[in-house]
Amino acid sequence: MTDEEVVAAAEALGEELAAAKESSSEFAFTTMVMQCNEAIGDETGVDYGSVCGDADDGCC
């Protein structure tokens, strides 16, 4: 995968998450984000929970 493909995929995911946030309950959206982070972590080896930390600073 090229860098451009990775960026395009990340942008598409961001757009889908923004749309889902508008149409989902807070619980359902949070659950979905956690599942996405876990799947991304499984593929990349990056633990987004530890990268972003516990502070609600809008990082993730």
PDB file of N, CA and C in Angstrom:
ATOM      1  N   MET A   1       0.839  -1.173   0.000  1.00  0.00           N
ATOM      2  CA  MET A   1       0.000   0.000   0.000  1.00  0.00           C
ATOM      3  C   MET A   1       0.888   1.242   0.000  1.00  0.00           C
ATOM      4  N   THR A   2       0.548   2.206  -0.819  1.00  0.00           N
ATOM      5  CA  THR A   2       1.329   3.441  -0.871  1.00  0.00           C
ATOM      6  C   THR A   2       0.896   4.383   0.243  1.00  0.00           C
ATOM      7  N   ASP A   3       1.721   5.387   0.512  1.00  0.00           N
ATOM      8  CA  ASP A   3       1.359   6.396   1.506  1.00  0.00           C
ATOM      9  C   ASP A   3       0.047   7.074   1.131  1.00  0.00           C
ATOM     10  N   GLU A   4      -0.127   7.347  -0.155  1.00  0.00           N
ATOM     11  CA  GLU A   4      -1.343   8.014  -0.618  1.00  0.00           C
ATOM     12  C   GLU A   4      -2.579   7.149  -0.364  1.00  0.00           C
ATOM     13  N   GLU A   5      -2.445   5.850  -0.553  1.00  0.00           N
ATOM     14  CA  GLU A   5      -3.563   4.937  -0.299  1.00  0.00           C
ATOM     15  C   GLU A   5      -3.897   4.881   1.190  1.00  0.00           C
ATOM     16  N   VAL A   6      -2.870   4.908   2.021  1.00  0.00           N
ATOM     17  CA  VAL A   6      -3.084   4.895   3.466  1.00  0.00           C
ATOM     18  C   VAL A   6      -3.803   6.165   3.896  1.00  0.00           C
ATOM     19  N   VAL A   7      -3.364   7.303   3.392  1.00  0.00           N
ATOM     20  CA  VAL A   7      -4.003   8.575   3.732  1.00  0.00           C
ATOM     21  C   VAL A   7      -5.445   8.589   3.244  1.00  0.00           C
ATOM     22  N   ALA A   8      -5.689   8.123   2.039  1.00  0.00           N
ATOM     23  CA  ALA A   8      -7.049   8.083   1.494  1.00  0.00           C
ATOM     24  C   ALA A   8      -7.948   7.184   2.340  1.00  0.00           C
ATOM     25  N   ALA A   9      -7.426   6.042   2.766  1.00  0.00           N
ATOM     26  CA  ALA A   9      -8.202   5.132   3.610  1.00  0.00           C
ATOM     27  C   ALA A   9      -8.495   5.763   4.965  1.00  0.00           C
ATOM     28  N   ALA A  10      -7.521   6.452   5.537  1.00  0.00           N
ATOM     29  CA  ALA A  10      -7.719   7.122   6.824  1.00  0.00           C
ATOM     30  C   ALA A  10      -8.755   8.235   6.704  1.00  0.00           C
ATOM     31  N   GLU A  11      -8.698   8.991   5.617  1.00  0.00           N
ATOM     32  CA  GLU A  11      -9.678  10.056   5.405  1.00  0.00           C
ATOM     33  C   GLU A  11     -11.080   9.480   5.236  1.00  0.00           C
ATOM     34  N   ALA A  12     -11.197   8.384   4.502  1.00  0.00           N
ATOM     35  CA  ALA A  12     -12.498   7.743   4.312  1.00  0.00           C
ATOM     36  C   ALA A  12     -13.044   7.226   5.640  1.00  0.00           C
ATOM     37  N   LEU A  13     -12.175   6.627   6.453  1.00  0.00           N
ATOM     38  CA  LEU A  13     -12.596   6.157   7.769  1.00  0.00           C
ATOM     39  C   LEU A  13     -13.059   7.324   8.624  1.00  0.00           C
ATOM     40  N   GLY A  14     -12.324   8.424   8.595  1.00  0.00           N
ATOM     41  CA  GLY A  14     -12.712   9.608   9.355  1.00  0.00           C
ATOM     42  C   GLY A  14     -14.075  10.130   8.951  1.00  0.00           C
ATOM     43  N   GLU A  15     -14.346  10.148   7.659  1.00  0.00           N
ATOM     44  CA  GLU A  15     -15.649  10.603   7.168  1.00  0.00           C
ATOM     45  C   GLU A  15     -16.761   9.659   7.620  1.00  0.00           C
ATOM     46  N   GLU A  16     -16.505   8.364   7.549  1.00  0.00           N
ATOM     47  CA  GLU A  16     -17.498   7.380   7.988  1.00  0.00           C
ATOM     48  C   GLU A  16     -17.755   7.499   9.488  1.00  0.00           C
ATOM     49  N   LEU A  17     -16.698   7.704  10.263  1.00  0.00           N
ATOM     50  CA  LEU A  17     -16.871   7.857  11.709  1.00  0.00           C
ATOM     51  C   LEU A  17     -17.644   9.124  12.046  1.00  0.00           C
ATOM     52  N   ALA A  18     -17.380  10.207  11.335  1.00  0.00           N
ATOM     53  CA  ALA A  18     -18.118  11.452  11.569  1.00  0.00           C
ATOM     54  C   ALA A  18     -19.599  11.258  11.281  1.00  0.00           C
ATOM     55  N   ALA A  19     -19.917  10.570  10.201  1.00  0.00           N
ATOM     56  CA  ALA A  19     -21.317  10.303   9.867  1.00  0.00           C
ATOM     57  C   ALA A  19     -21.961   9.399  10.913  1.00  0.00           C
ATOM     58  N   ALA A  20     -21.226   8.389  11.361  1.00  0.00           N
ATOM     59  CA  ALA A  20     -21.747   7.468  12.370  1.00  0.00           C
ATOM     60  C   ALA A  20     -21.985   8.179  13.693  1.00  0.00           C
ATOM     61  N   LYS A  21     -21.121   9.127  14.030  1.00  0.00           N
ATOM     62  CA  LYS A  21     -21.278   9.862  15.288  1.00  0.00           C
ATOM     63  C   LYS A  21     -22.575  10.650  15.290  1.00  0.00           C
ATOM     64  N   GLU A  22     -22.935  11.190  14.140  1.00  0.00           N
ATOM     65  CA  GLU A  22     -24.166  11.971  14.023  1.00  0.00           C
ATOM     66  C   GLU A  22     -25.413  11.103  14.156  1.00  0.00           C
ATOM     67  N   SER A  23     -25.324   9.837  13.755  1.00  0.00           N
ATOM     68  CA  SER A  23     -26.518   8.995  13.705  1.00  0.00           C
ATOM     69  C   SER A  23     -26.553   7.901  14.776  1.00  0.00           C
ATOM     70  N   SER A  24     -25.595   7.899  15.688  1.00  0.00           N
ATOM     71  CA  SER A  24     -25.512   6.845  16.698  1.00  0.00           C
ATOM     72  C   SER A  24     -25.603   7.430  18.094  1.00  0.00           C
ATOM     73  N   SER A  25     -25.999   6.573  19.036  1.00  0.00           N
ATOM     74  CA  SER A  25     -25.942   6.980  20.438  1.00  0.00           C
ATOM     75  C   SER A  25     -24.475   7.084  20.845  1.00  0.00           C
ATOM     76  N   GLU A  26     -24.229   7.784  21.936  1.00  0.00           N
ATOM     77  CA  GLU A  26     -22.844   7.928  22.401  1.00  0.00           C
ATOM     78  C   GLU A  26     -22.235   6.566  22.710  1.00  0.00           C
ATOM     79  N   PHE A  27     -23.014   5.695  23.340  1.00  0.00           N
ATOM     80  CA  PHE A  27     -22.515   4.361  23.680  1.00  0.00           C
ATOM     81  C   PHE A  27     -22.169   3.569  22.422  1.00  0.00           C
ATOM     82  N   ALA A  28     -23.079   3.563  21.448  1.00  0.00           N
ATOM     83  CA  ALA A  28     -22.846   2.806  20.214  1.00  0.00           C
ATOM     84  C   ALA A  28     -21.633   3.346  19.469  1.00  0.00           C
ATOM     85  N   PHE A  29     -21.496   4.669  19.419  1.00  0.00           N
ATOM     86  CA  PHE A  29     -20.362   5.265  18.718  1.00  0.00           C
ATOM     87  C   PHE A  29     -19.050   4.937  19.422  1.00  0.00           C
ATOM     88  N   THR A  30     -19.032   5.073  20.736  1.00  0.00           N
ATOM     89  CA  THR A  30     -17.817   4.771  21.498  1.00  0.00           C
ATOM     90  C   THR A  30     -17.417   3.311  21.317  1.00  0.00           C
ATOM     91  N   THR A  31     -18.397   2.424  21.349  1.00  0.00           N
ATOM     92  CA  THR A  31     -18.124   1.002  21.138  1.00  0.00           C
ATOM     93  C   THR A  31     -17.524   0.768  19.758  1.00  0.00           C
ATOM     94  N   MET A  32     -18.093   1.419  18.745  1.00  0.00           N
ATOM     95  CA  MET A  32     -17.595   1.255  17.381  1.00  0.00           C
ATOM     96  C   MET A  32     -16.166   1.774  17.258  1.00  0.00           C
ATOM     97  N   VAL A  33     -15.879   2.926  17.864  1.00  0.00           N
ATOM     98  CA  VAL A  33     -14.523   3.481  17.801  1.00  0.00           C
ATOM     99  C   VAL A  33     -13.532   2.536  18.478  1.00  0.00           C
ATOM    100  N   MET A  34     -13.930   1.983  19.607  1.00  0.00           N
ATOM    101  CA  MET A  34     -13.046   1.044  20.300  1.00  0.00           C
ATOM    102  C   MET A  34     -12.776  -0.184  19.434  1.00  0.00           C
ATOM    103  N   GLN A  35     -13.802  -0.675  18.740  1.00  0.00           N
ATOM    104  CA  GLN A  35     -13.619  -1.823  17.858  1.00  0.00           C
ATOM    105  C   GLN A  35     -12.716  -1.466  16.680  1.00  0.00           C
ATOM    106  N   CYS A  36     -12.899  -0.262  16.137  1.00  0.00           N
ATOM    107  CA  CYS A  36     -12.030   0.190  15.037  1.00  0.00           C
ATOM    108  C   CYS A  36     -10.582   0.272  15.503  1.00  0.00           C
ATOM    109  N   ASN A  37     -10.377   0.875  16.676  1.00  0.00           N
ATOM    110  CA  ASN A  37      -9.017   1.008  17.205  1.00  0.00           C
ATOM    111  C   ASN A  37      -8.374  -0.358  17.416  1.00  0.00           C
ATOM    112  N   GLU A  38      -9.164  -1.311  17.907  1.00  0.00           N
ATOM    113  CA  GLU A  38      -8.629  -2.655  18.123  1.00  0.00           C
ATOM    114  C   GLU A  38      -8.247  -3.302  16.788  1.00  0.00           C
ATOM    115  N   ALA A  39      -9.114  -3.166  15.791  1.00  0.00           N
ATOM    116  CA  ALA A  39      -8.824  -3.752  14.474  1.00  0.00           C
ATOM    117  C   ALA A  39      -7.601  -3.094  13.838  1.00  0.00           C
ATOM    118  N   ILE A  40      -7.508  -1.777  13.947  1.00  0.00           N
ATOM    119  CA  ILE A  40      -6.346  -1.063  13.405  1.00  0.00           C
ATOM    120  C   ILE A  40      -5.085  -1.510  14.138  1.00  0.00           C
ATOM    121  N   GLY A  41      -5.193  -1.625  15.453  1.00  0.00           N
ATOM    122  CA  GLY A  41      -4.055  -2.078  16.247  1.00  0.00           C
ATOM    123  C   GLY A  41      -3.606  -3.475  15.876  1.00  0.00           C
ATOM    124  N   ASP A  42      -4.577  -4.356  15.613  1.00  0.00           N
ATOM    125  CA  ASP A  42      -4.232  -5.719  15.200  1.00  0.00           C
ATOM    126  C   ASP A  42      -3.456  -5.712  13.887  1.00  0.00           C
ATOM    127  N   GLU A  43      -3.822  -4.822  12.985  1.00  0.00           N
ATOM    128  CA  GLU A  43      -3.166  -4.756  11.673  1.00  0.00           C
ATOM    129  C   GLU A  43      -1.820  -4.037  11.717  1.00  0.00           C
ATOM    130  N   THR A  44      -1.734  -2.974  12.543  1.00  0.00           N
ATOM    131  CA  THR A  44      -0.543  -2.122  12.519  1.00  0.00           C
ATOM    132  C   THR A  44       0.406  -2.343  13.687  1.00  0.00           C
ATOM    133  N   GLY A  45      -0.109  -2.920  14.767  1.00  0.00           N
ATOM    134  CA  GLY A  45       0.697  -3.068  15.968  1.00  0.00           C
ATOM    135  C   GLY A  45       0.706  -1.823  16.837  1.00  0.00           C
ATOM    136  N   VAL A  46      -0.102  -0.814  16.486  1.00  0.00           N
ATOM    137  CA  VAL A  46      -0.190   0.423  17.258  1.00  0.00           C
ATOM    138  C   VAL A  46      -1.388   0.330  18.189  1.00  0.00           C
ATOM    139  N   ASP A  47      -1.172   0.556  19.488  1.00  0.00           N
ATOM    140  CA  ASP A  47      -2.248   0.563  20.475  1.00  0.00           C
ATOM    141  C   ASP A  47      -2.733   1.998  20.628  1.00  0.00           C
ATOM    142  N   TYR A  48      -3.815   2.344  19.932  1.00  0.00           N
ATOM    143  CA  TYR A  48      -4.296   3.719  19.944  1.00  0.00           C
ATOM    144  C   TYR A  48      -4.760   4.165  21.319  1.00  0.00           C
ATOM    145  N   GLY A  49      -5.230   3.240  22.150  1.00  0.00           N
ATOM    146  CA  GLY A  49      -5.623   3.602  23.500  1.00  0.00           C
ATOM    147  C   GLY A  49      -4.458   4.153  24.300  1.00  0.00           C
ATOM    148  N   SER A  50      -3.284   3.548  24.163  1.00  0.00           N
ATOM    149  CA  SER A  50      -2.120   4.029  24.899  1.00  0.00           C
ATOM    150  C   SER A  50      -1.501   5.251  24.231  1.00  0.00           C
ATOM    151  N   VAL A  51      -1.644   5.360  22.917  1.00  0.00           N
ATOM    152  CA  VAL A  51      -1.110   6.527  22.208  1.00  0.00           C
ATOM    153  C   VAL A  51      -1.861   7.779  22.628  1.00  0.00           C
ATOM    154  N   CYS A  52      -3.180   7.659  22.721  1.00  0.00           N
ATOM    155  CA  CYS A  52      -4.009   8.828  23.021  1.00  0.00           C
ATOM    156  C   CYS A  52      -4.130   9.078  24.515  1.00  0.00           C
ATOM    157  N   GLY A  53      -3.960   8.072  25.335  1.00  0.00           N
ATOM    158  CA  GLY A  53      -4.034   8.249  26.768  1.00  0.00           C
ATOM    159  C   GLY A  53      -5.458   8.358  27.264  1.00  0.00           C
ATOM    160  N   ASP A  54      -5.593   8.624  28.558  1.00  0.00           N
ATOM    161  CA  ASP A  54      -6.906   8.678  29.190  1.00  0.00           C
ATOM    162  C   ASP A  54      -7.522  10.066  29.144  1.00  0.00           C
ATOM    163  N   ALA A  55      -6.734  11.085  28.919  1.00  0.00           N
ATOM    164  CA  ALA A  55      -7.252  12.455  28.911  1.00  0.00           C
ATOM    165  C   ALA A  55      -8.172  12.649  27.716  1.00  0.00           C
ATOM    166  N   ASP A  56      -9.274  13.337  27.955  1.00  0.00           N
ATOM    167  CA  ASP A  56     -10.221  13.615  26.870  1.00  0.00           C
ATOM    168  C   ASP A  56      -9.812  14.918  26.206  1.00  0.00           C
ATOM    169  N   ASP A  57      -8.743  14.839  25.417  1.00  0.00           N
ATOM    170  CA  ASP A  57      -8.225  16.044  24.769  1.00  0.00           C
ATOM    171  C   ASP A  57      -8.577  16.098  23.287  1.00  0.00           C
ATOM    172  N   GLY A  58      -9.501  15.224  22.860  1.00  0.00           N
ATOM    173  CA  GLY A  58      -9.923  15.224  21.470  1.00  0.00           C
ATOM    174  C   GLY A  58      -8.948  14.553  20.532  1.00  0.00           C
ATOM    175  N   CYS A  59      -7.966  13.854  21.090  1.00  0.00           N
ATOM    176  CA  CYS A  59      -6.952  13.207  20.252  1.00  0.00           C
ATOM    177  C   CYS A  59      -7.562  12.143  19.357  1.00  0.00           C
ATOM    178  N   CYS A  60      -8.409  11.329  19.925  1.00  0.00           N
ATOM    179  CA  CYS A  60      -8.927  10.175  19.162  1.00  0.00           C
ATOM    180  C   CYS A  60     -10.416  10.271  18.948  1.00  0.00           C
TER     181      CYS A  60
END
